[in-house]
Amino acid sequence: MSRLIADAAAALAPSCDYTTGCITCGDVAIPLTVLRLDEERGLALCAADDGNSETVEIDLVAPVAPGDRLLVHAGTAIARLTEEASA
């Protein structure tokens, strides 16, 4: 790779700077409640406390059931929430 290409790639690479909004650290996971499952595809329809819903990948925390509370980041459930944590 030429030095020019390497310098351009380095300049475009994401960096972690919390003061300007890190693309990774600045993201937030939100608690959602499972409404319905599509176990064959590893998906669940989930709802937020404000009533908005979204489809979530559940493979990392499976098995889940309707009523379960999940912590979701970028459309993927990354953890289960206990009753104490979701209150």
N, C-alpha and C. Protein backbone atom coordinates (compact mmCIF):
# COMPACT_ATOMS: atom_id res chain seq x y z
N MET A 1 0.84 -1.17 0.00
CA MET A 1 0.00 0.00 0.00
C MET A 1 0.90 1.24 0.00
N SER A 2 0.56 2.18 -0.82
CA SER A 2 1.37 3.39 -0.88
C SER A 2 1.19 4.22 0.39
N ARG A 3 2.16 5.03 0.67
CA ARG A 3 2.10 5.89 1.87
C ARG A 3 0.91 6.83 1.79
N LEU A 4 0.59 7.34 0.61
CA LEU A 4 -0.54 8.26 0.43
C LEU A 4 -1.85 7.57 0.78
N ILE A 5 -2.03 6.33 0.32
CA ILE A 5 -3.24 5.57 0.62
C ILE A 5 -3.32 5.26 2.11
N ALA A 6 -2.18 4.88 2.71
CA ALA A 6 -2.15 4.58 4.14
C ALA A 6 -2.50 5.82 4.96
N ASP A 7 -1.97 6.98 4.58
CA ASP A 7 -2.28 8.21 5.30
C ASP A 7 -3.76 8.57 5.16
N ALA A 8 -4.32 8.39 3.98
CA ALA A 8 -5.74 8.68 3.76
C ALA A 8 -6.61 7.74 4.58
N ALA A 9 -6.26 6.47 4.61
CA ALA A 9 -7.03 5.50 5.40
C ALA A 9 -6.98 5.84 6.87
N ALA A 10 -5.81 6.23 7.37
CA ALA A 10 -5.67 6.60 8.78
C ALA A 10 -6.50 7.83 9.10
N ALA A 11 -6.55 8.79 8.19
CA ALA A 11 -7.31 10.01 8.42
C ALA A 11 -8.81 9.74 8.45
N LEU A 12 -9.28 8.74 7.71
CA LEU A 12 -10.70 8.42 7.66
C LEU A 12 -11.14 7.42 8.72
N ALA A 13 -10.19 6.78 9.37
CA ALA A 13 -10.53 5.77 10.38
C ALA A 13 -11.22 6.42 11.57
N PRO A 14 -12.24 5.73 12.11
CA PRO A 14 -12.91 6.30 13.29
C PRO A 14 -11.96 6.35 14.48
N SER A 15 -12.15 7.34 15.32
CA SER A 15 -11.34 7.45 16.52
C SER A 15 -12.25 7.62 17.72
N CYS A 16 -11.75 7.30 18.87
CA CYS A 16 -12.53 7.41 20.09
C CYS A 16 -12.24 8.74 20.76
N ASP A 17 -13.16 9.66 20.65
CA ASP A 17 -13.03 10.96 21.29
C ASP A 17 -14.38 11.30 21.90
N TYR A 18 -14.53 11.02 23.19
CA TYR A 18 -15.82 11.20 23.84
C TYR A 18 -16.33 12.64 23.78
N THR A 19 -15.46 13.62 23.58
CA THR A 19 -15.89 15.01 23.55
C THR A 19 -16.62 15.36 22.26
N THR A 20 -16.37 14.62 21.20
CA THR A 20 -17.04 14.91 19.93
C THR A 20 -18.06 13.85 19.55
N GLY A 21 -18.25 12.85 20.39
CA GLY A 21 -19.25 11.82 20.12
C GLY A 21 -18.66 10.59 19.50
N CYS A 22 -18.00 9.80 20.30
CA CYS A 22 -17.40 8.55 19.84
C CYS A 22 -18.44 7.67 19.16
N ILE A 23 -18.09 7.09 18.02
CA ILE A 23 -19.05 6.27 17.30
C ILE A 23 -19.36 4.97 18.03
N THR A 24 -18.52 4.56 18.94
CA THR A 24 -18.78 3.34 19.70
C THR A 24 -19.22 3.68 21.12
N CYS A 25 -18.40 4.37 21.85
CA CYS A 25 -18.68 4.65 23.26
C CYS A 25 -19.90 5.55 23.44
N GLY A 26 -20.21 6.37 22.45
CA GLY A 26 -21.34 7.28 22.56
C GLY A 26 -22.67 6.62 22.31
N ASP A 27 -22.68 5.39 21.82
CA ASP A 27 -23.93 4.70 21.59
C ASP A 27 -24.54 4.27 22.91
N VAL A 28 -25.84 4.09 22.91
CA VAL A 28 -26.56 3.76 24.13
C VAL A 28 -27.38 2.50 23.92
N ALA A 29 -27.40 1.63 24.90
CA ALA A 29 -28.29 0.48 24.88
C ALA A 29 -29.56 0.86 25.62
N ILE A 30 -30.69 0.35 25.14
CA ILE A 30 -31.96 0.69 25.76
C ILE A 30 -32.70 -0.56 26.20
N PRO A 31 -33.47 -0.46 27.27
CA PRO A 31 -34.25 -1.61 27.72
C PRO A 31 -35.53 -1.74 26.88
N LEU A 32 -35.80 -2.94 26.42
CA LEU A 32 -37.01 -3.23 25.65
C LEU A 32 -37.67 -4.48 26.22
N THR A 33 -38.99 -4.59 26.00
CA THR A 33 -39.76 -5.75 26.44
C THR A 33 -40.15 -6.59 25.24
N VAL A 34 -39.93 -7.89 25.32
CA VAL A 34 -40.26 -8.82 24.24
C VAL A 34 -41.79 -8.94 24.14
N LEU A 35 -42.31 -8.73 22.92
CA LEU A 35 -43.74 -8.89 22.66
C LEU A 35 -44.04 -10.22 21.97
N ARG A 36 -43.31 -10.49 20.88
CA ARG A 36 -43.52 -11.72 20.09
C ARG A 36 -42.18 -12.23 19.61
N LEU A 37 -42.13 -13.53 19.32
CA LEU A 37 -40.89 -14.17 18.88
C LEU A 37 -41.02 -14.74 17.48
N ASP A 38 -39.91 -14.72 16.75
CA ASP A 38 -39.73 -15.47 15.51
C ASP A 38 -38.46 -16.27 15.74
N GLU A 39 -38.60 -17.37 16.48
CA GLU A 39 -37.44 -18.15 16.90
C GLU A 39 -36.68 -18.73 15.72
N GLU A 40 -37.38 -19.06 14.64
CA GLU A 40 -36.72 -19.63 13.46
C GLU A 40 -35.68 -18.67 12.89
N ARG A 41 -35.98 -17.38 12.92
CA ARG A 41 -35.05 -16.37 12.40
C ARG A 41 -34.23 -15.70 13.49
N GLY A 42 -34.45 -16.05 14.77
CA GLY A 42 -33.68 -15.46 15.86
C GLY A 42 -34.04 -14.01 16.11
N LEU A 43 -35.33 -13.68 15.95
CA LEU A 43 -35.78 -12.30 16.10
C LEU A 43 -36.92 -12.20 17.11
N ALA A 44 -37.06 -11.01 17.68
CA ALA A 44 -38.19 -10.73 18.57
C ALA A 44 -38.70 -9.34 18.27
N LEU A 45 -40.02 -9.19 18.33
CA LEU A 45 -40.62 -7.86 18.27
C LEU A 45 -40.63 -7.36 19.71
N CYS A 46 -40.02 -6.21 19.93
CA CYS A 46 -39.88 -5.67 21.28
C CYS A 46 -40.43 -4.25 21.33
N ALA A 47 -40.85 -3.84 22.53
CA ALA A 47 -41.39 -2.49 22.73
C ALA A 47 -40.62 -1.76 23.79
N ALA A 48 -40.45 -0.46 23.56
CA ALA A 48 -39.83 0.42 24.55
C ALA A 48 -40.92 0.93 25.49
N ASP A 49 -40.51 1.55 26.57
CA ASP A 49 -41.46 2.08 27.54
C ASP A 49 -42.35 3.17 26.93
N ASP A 50 -41.87 3.85 25.88
CA ASP A 50 -42.66 4.90 25.24
C ASP A 50 -43.62 4.36 24.20
N GLY A 51 -43.66 3.02 24.03
CA GLY A 51 -44.60 2.40 23.09
C GLY A 51 -44.03 2.11 21.72
N ASN A 52 -42.87 2.68 21.38
CA ASN A 52 -42.25 2.38 20.10
C ASN A 52 -41.78 0.93 20.09
N SER A 53 -41.86 0.31 18.90
CA SER A 53 -41.44 -1.09 18.81
C SER A 53 -40.39 -1.25 17.72
N GLU A 54 -39.62 -2.32 17.84
CA GLU A 54 -38.61 -2.64 16.84
C GLU A 54 -38.30 -4.13 16.87
N THR A 55 -37.80 -4.62 15.76
CA THR A 55 -37.37 -6.00 15.68
C THR A 55 -35.93 -6.09 16.16
N VAL A 56 -35.67 -7.11 16.99
CA VAL A 56 -34.38 -7.24 17.65
C VAL A 56 -33.82 -8.63 17.41
N GLU A 57 -32.52 -8.72 17.12
CA GLU A 57 -31.84 -10.01 17.05
C GLU A 57 -31.63 -10.52 18.47
N ILE A 58 -31.97 -11.80 18.72
CA ILE A 58 -31.92 -12.33 20.08
C ILE A 58 -30.95 -13.48 20.28
N ASP A 59 -30.19 -13.84 19.26
CA ASP A 59 -29.31 -15.00 19.35
C ASP A 59 -28.33 -14.95 20.51
N LEU A 60 -27.84 -13.77 20.88
CA LEU A 60 -26.85 -13.67 21.96
C LEU A 60 -27.43 -13.94 23.34
N VAL A 61 -28.75 -13.79 23.49
CA VAL A 61 -29.37 -13.95 24.81
C VAL A 61 -30.45 -15.03 24.84
N ALA A 62 -30.61 -15.77 23.73
CA ALA A 62 -31.65 -16.80 23.63
C ALA A 62 -31.42 -17.89 24.66
N PRO A 63 -32.48 -18.53 25.11
CA PRO A 63 -33.87 -18.34 24.71
C PRO A 63 -34.52 -17.19 25.49
N VAL A 64 -35.47 -16.54 24.84
CA VAL A 64 -36.25 -15.49 25.49
C VAL A 64 -37.73 -15.81 25.33
N ALA A 65 -38.54 -15.13 26.10
CA ALA A 65 -39.99 -15.35 26.07
C ALA A 65 -40.69 -14.00 26.11
N PRO A 66 -41.93 -13.94 25.64
CA PRO A 66 -42.69 -12.70 25.75
C PRO A 66 -42.71 -12.22 27.21
N GLY A 67 -42.50 -10.93 27.39
CA GLY A 67 -42.45 -10.35 28.72
C GLY A 67 -41.04 -10.15 29.25
N ASP A 68 -40.06 -10.86 28.67
CA ASP A 68 -38.67 -10.68 29.10
C ASP A 68 -38.21 -9.26 28.78
N ARG A 69 -37.34 -8.72 29.64
CA ARG A 69 -36.75 -7.40 29.41
C ARG A 69 -35.32 -7.61 28.94
N LEU A 70 -34.97 -6.94 27.84
CA LEU A 70 -33.65 -7.08 27.23
C LEU A 70 -32.98 -5.72 27.11
N LEU A 71 -31.67 -5.71 27.18
CA LEU A 71 -30.90 -4.51 26.91
C LEU A 71 -30.46 -4.61 25.45
N VAL A 72 -30.85 -3.62 24.64
CA VAL A 72 -30.66 -3.69 23.19
C VAL A 72 -29.77 -2.55 22.71
N HIS A 73 -28.79 -2.92 21.89
CA HIS A 73 -27.88 -1.96 21.28
C HIS A 73 -27.81 -2.26 19.79
N ALA A 74 -28.07 -1.26 18.97
CA ALA A 74 -27.97 -1.38 17.51
C ALA A 74 -28.77 -2.56 16.98
N GLY A 75 -29.97 -2.77 17.51
CA GLY A 75 -30.85 -3.82 17.01
C GLY A 75 -30.52 -5.22 17.47
N THR A 76 -29.59 -5.35 18.43
CA THR A 76 -29.18 -6.65 18.94
C THR A 76 -29.32 -6.67 20.45
N ALA A 77 -30.00 -7.69 20.97
CA ALA A 77 -30.10 -7.85 22.42
C ALA A 77 -28.73 -8.29 22.93
N ILE A 78 -28.20 -7.53 23.89
CA ILE A 78 -26.86 -7.83 24.39
C ILE A 78 -26.88 -8.35 25.82
N ALA A 79 -28.02 -8.25 26.50
CA ALA A 79 -28.13 -8.73 27.88
C ALA A 79 -29.58 -8.84 28.28
N ARG A 80 -29.81 -9.69 29.26
CA ARG A 80 -31.14 -9.76 29.89
C ARG A 80 -31.14 -8.81 31.07
N LEU A 81 -32.27 -8.21 31.34
CA LEU A 81 -32.40 -7.35 32.50
C LEU A 81 -33.16 -8.09 33.59
N THR A 82 -32.66 -7.97 34.81
CA THR A 82 -33.39 -8.52 35.94
C THR A 82 -34.46 -7.52 36.34
N GLU A 83 -35.38 -7.95 37.16
CA GLU A 83 -36.43 -7.02 37.60
C GLU A 83 -35.83 -5.83 38.33
N GLU A 84 -34.78 -6.04 39.12
CA GLU A 84 -34.15 -4.93 39.84
C GLU A 84 -33.51 -3.95 38.88
N ALA A 85 -32.85 -4.45 37.83
CA ALA A 85 -32.14 -3.58 36.89
C ALA A 85 -33.08 -2.80 35.99
N SER A 86 -34.25 -3.38 35.67
CA SER A 86 -35.16 -2.71 34.75
C SER A 86 -36.13 -1.78 35.46
N ALA A 87 -36.15 -1.81 36.79
CA ALA A 87 -37.07 -0.94 37.55
C ALA A 87 -36.56 0.49 37.61
